[in-house]
Amino acid sequence: MLVPEDMRFTTEHEWMKWEGSNLRMGITDYAQDALGDVVYVSLPSADARYESGGTLGEVESTKSVSEIYAPVNGMVISINDRLSENPELINEDPYGDGWICLIAPDDIEGYEELLERDDYITLTHDETPRAF
């Protein structure tokens, strides 16, 4: 399981990484592995505001459909349109080409409350893999 050091994570298996003053997000390697082959992604609306914990979209796999949650309060400023035609990018490169959206956060506090790498590793080590 890949868990990059320069990111923060949620207990729902989303990741976030600073990109300038914005946060790029996606689902983790752990999540994509548990989901299996991703066949469809419902992306969030660009230029829409989301509250932390609110539903941004869904990832549909051969095993299940899972919601994607906003890790922080903020505005979605960009979405990864490539996922519409190539949802398998989430399986192939969850921390790179499989990113979901870019969020302009309201503040940094929400990000700082997310799990650091070691805490996320502990969380996933203690969980039984499942389809989300």
C-alpha atoms as a PDB file:
ATOM      1  CA  MET A   1       0.000   0.000   0.000  1.00  0.00           C
ATOM      2  CA  LEU A   2       1.405   3.367  -1.040  1.00  0.00           C
ATOM      3  CA  VAL A   3       1.087   6.200   1.502  1.00  0.00           C
ATOM      4  CA  PRO A   4       2.988   9.353   0.458  1.00  0.00           C
ATOM      5  CA  GLU A   5       4.598  11.466   3.166  1.00  0.00           C
ATOM      6  CA  ASP A   6       3.551  14.858   1.775  1.00  0.00           C
ATOM      7  CA  MET A   7      -0.201  14.336   2.136  1.00  0.00           C
ATOM      8  CA  ARG A   8      -2.925  14.217   4.761  1.00  0.00           C
ATOM      9  CA  PHE A   9      -5.700  11.626   4.898  1.00  0.00           C
ATOM     10  CA  THR A  10      -9.260  11.140   6.109  1.00  0.00           C
ATOM     11  CA  THR A  11     -10.759   8.180   7.916  1.00  0.00           C
ATOM     12  CA  GLU A  12     -12.926   7.758   4.783  1.00  0.00           C
ATOM     13  CA  HIS A  13      -9.749   7.192   2.704  1.00  0.00           C
ATOM     14  CA  GLU A  14      -9.431  10.458   0.831  1.00  0.00           C
ATOM     15  CA  TRP A  15      -6.074  12.215   0.496  1.00  0.00           C
ATOM     16  CA  MET A  16      -5.175  15.899   0.245  1.00  0.00           C
ATOM     17  CA  LYS A  17      -1.993  17.644  -0.837  1.00  0.00           C
ATOM     18  CA  TRP A  18      -1.098  21.337  -0.980  1.00  0.00           C
ATOM     19  CA  GLU A  19      -0.665  22.751  -4.452  1.00  0.00           C
ATOM     20  CA  GLY A  20       0.131  26.409  -3.947  1.00  0.00           C
ATOM     21  CA  SER A  21      -2.726  27.783  -1.825  1.00  0.00           C
ATOM     22  CA  ASN A  22      -5.135  25.050  -2.976  1.00  0.00           C
ATOM     23  CA  LEU A  23      -5.596  21.396  -2.062  1.00  0.00           C
ATOM     24  CA  ARG A  24      -5.586  18.573  -4.595  1.00  0.00           C
ATOM     25  CA  MET A  25      -7.593  15.533  -3.485  1.00  0.00           C
ATOM     26  CA  GLY A  26      -8.401  11.983  -4.452  1.00  0.00           C
ATOM     27  CA  ILE A  27      -8.947   8.562  -2.921  1.00  0.00           C
ATOM     28  CA  THR A  28      -6.113   6.565  -1.424  1.00  0.00           C
ATOM     29  CA  ASP A  29      -4.326   3.517  -2.753  1.00  0.00           C
ATOM     30  CA  TYR A  30      -5.942   1.546   0.080  1.00  0.00           C
ATOM     31  CA  ALA A  31      -9.412   2.654  -1.056  1.00  0.00           C
ATOM     32  CA  GLN A  32      -8.874   1.948  -4.738  1.00  0.00           C
ATOM     33  CA  ASP A  33      -7.509  -1.493  -3.908  1.00  0.00           C
ATOM     34  CA  ALA A  34     -10.526  -2.299  -1.720  1.00  0.00           C
ATOM     35  CA  LEU A  35     -12.931  -1.029  -4.392  1.00  0.00           C
ATOM     36  CA  GLY A  36     -11.463  -3.058  -7.219  1.00  0.00           C
ATOM     37  CA  ASP A  37     -11.708  -1.950 -10.832  1.00  0.00           C
ATOM     38  CA  VAL A  38     -13.177   1.565 -10.987  1.00  0.00           C
ATOM     39  CA  VAL A  39     -15.670   1.840 -13.856  1.00  0.00           C
ATOM     40  CA  TYR A  40     -17.314   5.249 -13.257  1.00  0.00           C
ATOM     41  CA  VAL A  41     -16.644   8.452 -11.316  1.00  0.00           C
ATOM     42  CA  SER A  42     -19.293  11.062 -10.519  1.00  0.00           C
ATOM     43  CA  LEU A  43     -17.248  14.250 -10.176  1.00  0.00           C
ATOM     44  CA  PRO A  44     -18.096  17.256  -7.999  1.00  0.00           C
ATOM     45  CA  SER A  45     -19.344  20.485  -9.539  1.00  0.00           C
ATOM     46  CA  ALA A  46     -16.635  23.007 -10.320  1.00  0.00           C
ATOM     47  CA  ASP A  47     -17.183  26.410  -8.698  1.00  0.00           C
ATOM     48  CA  ALA A  48     -19.406  24.861  -6.017  1.00  0.00           C
ATOM     49  CA  ARG A  49     -18.899  25.171  -2.264  1.00  0.00           C
ATOM     50  CA  TYR A  50     -18.735  22.083  -0.096  1.00  0.00           C
ATOM     51  CA  GLU A  51     -18.671  21.644   3.651  1.00  0.00           C
ATOM     52  CA  SER A  52     -16.298  19.195   5.297  1.00  0.00           C
ATOM     53  CA  GLY A  53     -17.967  15.781   5.319  1.00  0.00           C
ATOM     54  CA  GLY A  54     -20.372  16.697   2.522  1.00  0.00           C
ATOM     55  CA  THR A  55     -20.675  14.421  -0.485  1.00  0.00           C
ATOM     56  CA  LEU A  56     -18.562  15.523  -3.466  1.00  0.00           C
ATOM     57  CA  GLY A  57     -19.368  12.630  -5.769  1.00  0.00           C
ATOM     58  CA  GLU A  58     -19.167   8.860  -6.118  1.00  0.00           C
ATOM     59  CA  VAL A  59     -16.786   6.189  -7.300  1.00  0.00           C
ATOM     60  CA  GLU A  60     -18.376   3.103  -8.831  1.00  0.00           C
ATOM     61  CA  SER A  61     -16.399  -0.103  -9.116  1.00  0.00           C
ATOM     62  CA  THR A  62     -17.101  -3.679 -10.076  1.00  0.00           C
ATOM     63  CA  LYS A  63     -17.707  -4.329  -6.358  1.00  0.00           C
ATOM     64  CA  SER A  64     -19.630  -1.315  -5.046  1.00  0.00           C
ATOM     65  CA  VAL A  65     -20.498   2.376  -5.211  1.00  0.00           C
ATOM     66  CA  SER A  66     -18.782   4.637  -2.677  1.00  0.00           C
ATOM     67  CA  GLU A  67     -19.306   8.286  -1.887  1.00  0.00           C
ATOM     68  CA  ILE A  68     -16.439  10.773  -2.005  1.00  0.00           C
ATOM     69  CA  TYR A  69     -16.504  13.246   0.893  1.00  0.00           C
ATOM     70  CA  ALA A  70     -15.116  16.764   1.148  1.00  0.00           C
ATOM     71  CA  PRO A  71     -12.193  16.638   3.587  1.00  0.00           C
ATOM     72  CA  VAL A  72     -12.326  20.411   4.238  1.00  0.00           C
ATOM     73  CA  ASN A  73     -14.648  23.391   3.810  1.00  0.00           C
ATOM     74  CA  GLY A  74     -14.034  25.182   0.533  1.00  0.00           C
ATOM     75  CA  MET A  75     -14.748  25.758  -3.146  1.00  0.00           C
ATOM     76  CA  VAL A  76     -14.017  23.195  -5.847  1.00  0.00           C
ATOM     77  CA  ILE A  77     -12.068  25.163  -8.443  1.00  0.00           C
ATOM     78  CA  SER A  78     -11.077  22.374 -10.818  1.00  0.00           C
ATOM     79  CA  ILE A  79     -12.054  18.777 -11.531  1.00  0.00           C
ATOM     80  CA  ASN A  80     -10.168  15.981 -13.269  1.00  0.00           C
ATOM     81  CA  ASP A  81     -12.238  15.666 -16.459  1.00  0.00           C
ATOM     82  CA  ARG A  82     -10.000  12.805 -17.613  1.00  0.00           C
ATOM     83  CA  LEU A  83     -11.796  10.539 -15.128  1.00  0.00           C
ATOM     84  CA  SER A  84     -15.018  10.788 -17.155  1.00  0.00           C
ATOM     85  CA  GLU A  85     -13.426   8.872 -20.021  1.00  0.00           C
ATOM     86  CA  ASN A  86     -10.737   7.037 -18.026  1.00  0.00           C
ATOM     87  CA  PRO A  87     -12.020   6.154 -14.522  1.00  0.00           C
ATOM     88  CA  GLU A  88      -9.346   3.445 -14.304  1.00  0.00           C
ATOM     89  CA  LEU A  89      -6.789   6.222 -13.664  1.00  0.00           C
ATOM     90  CA  ILE A  90      -7.882   5.993 -10.021  1.00  0.00           C
ATOM     91  CA  ASN A  91      -6.646   2.383  -9.928  1.00  0.00           C
ATOM     92  CA  GLU A  92      -3.531   3.028 -11.989  1.00  0.00           C
ATOM     93  CA  ASP A  93      -2.303   6.204 -10.260  1.00  0.00           C
ATOM     94  CA  PRO A  94      -4.469   7.241  -7.268  1.00  0.00           C
ATOM     95  CA  TYR A  95      -2.026   9.944  -6.087  1.00  0.00           C
ATOM     96  CA  GLY A  96      -1.193  11.287  -9.548  1.00  0.00           C
ATOM     97  CA  ASP A  97      -3.305  11.125 -12.710  1.00  0.00           C
ATOM     98  CA  GLY A  98      -6.232   9.704 -10.699  1.00  0.00           C
ATOM     99  CA  TRP A  99      -6.780  12.880  -8.653  1.00  0.00           C
ATOM    100  CA  ILE A 100     -10.416  13.997  -8.327  1.00  0.00           C
ATOM    101  CA  CYS A 101     -10.538  17.745  -7.720  1.00  0.00           C
ATOM    102  CA  LEU A 102      -8.729  20.878  -6.596  1.00  0.00           C
ATOM    103  CA  ILE A 103     -10.238  22.756  -3.646  1.00  0.00           C
ATOM    104  CA  ALA A 104      -9.656  26.333  -2.488  1.00  0.00           C
ATOM    105  CA  PRO A 105      -9.982  25.763   1.280  1.00  0.00           C
ATOM    106  CA  ASP A 106     -11.633  28.302   3.559  1.00  0.00           C
ATOM    107  CA  ASP A 107      -8.692  28.008   5.978  1.00  0.00           C
ATOM    108  CA  ILE A 108      -5.796  25.700   6.879  1.00  0.00           C
ATOM    109  CA  GLU A 109      -7.341  24.389  10.097  1.00  0.00           C
ATOM    110  CA  GLY A 110      -9.414  21.757   8.306  1.00  0.00           C
ATOM    111  CA  TYR A 111      -6.312  20.401   6.601  1.00  0.00           C
ATOM    112  CA  GLU A 112      -4.334  20.334   9.821  1.00  0.00           C
ATOM    113  CA  GLU A 113      -7.042  18.210  11.473  1.00  0.00           C
ATOM    114  CA  LEU A 114      -6.606  15.439   8.877  1.00  0.00           C
ATOM    115  CA  LEU A 115      -4.530  12.331   9.583  1.00  0.00           C
ATOM    116  CA  GLU A 116      -0.802  12.405   9.041  1.00  0.00           C
ATOM    117  CA  ARG A 117       0.880   9.531   7.188  1.00  0.00           C
ATOM    118  CA  ASP A 118       1.749   7.408  10.253  1.00  0.00           C
ATOM    119  CA  ASP A 119      -1.750   7.792  11.698  1.00  0.00           C
ATOM    120  CA  TYR A 120      -3.299   6.758   8.378  1.00  0.00           C
ATOM    121  CA  ILE A 121      -1.044   3.710   8.177  1.00  0.00           C
ATOM    122  CA  THR A 122      -2.159   2.731  11.691  1.00  0.00           C
ATOM    123  CA  LEU A 123      -5.816   3.209  10.688  1.00  0.00           C
ATOM    124  CA  THR A 124      -5.523   1.011   7.611  1.00  0.00           C
ATOM    125  CA  HIS A 125      -3.479  -1.597   9.439  1.00  0.00           C
ATOM    126  CA  ASP A 126      -6.263  -1.908  12.021  1.00  0.00           C
ATOM    127  CA  GLU A 127      -9.068  -2.093   9.407  1.00  0.00           C
ATOM    128  CA  THR A 128     -10.235  -5.128   7.533  1.00  0.00           C
ATOM    129  CA  PRO A 129     -10.106  -4.287   3.804  1.00  0.00           C
ATOM    130  CA  ARG A 130     -13.612  -3.821   2.419  1.00  0.00           C
ATOM    131  CA  ALA A 131     -15.374  -2.204  -0.467  1.00  0.00           C
ATOM    132  CA  PHE A 132     -16.299   1.304   0.612  1.00  0.00           C
END
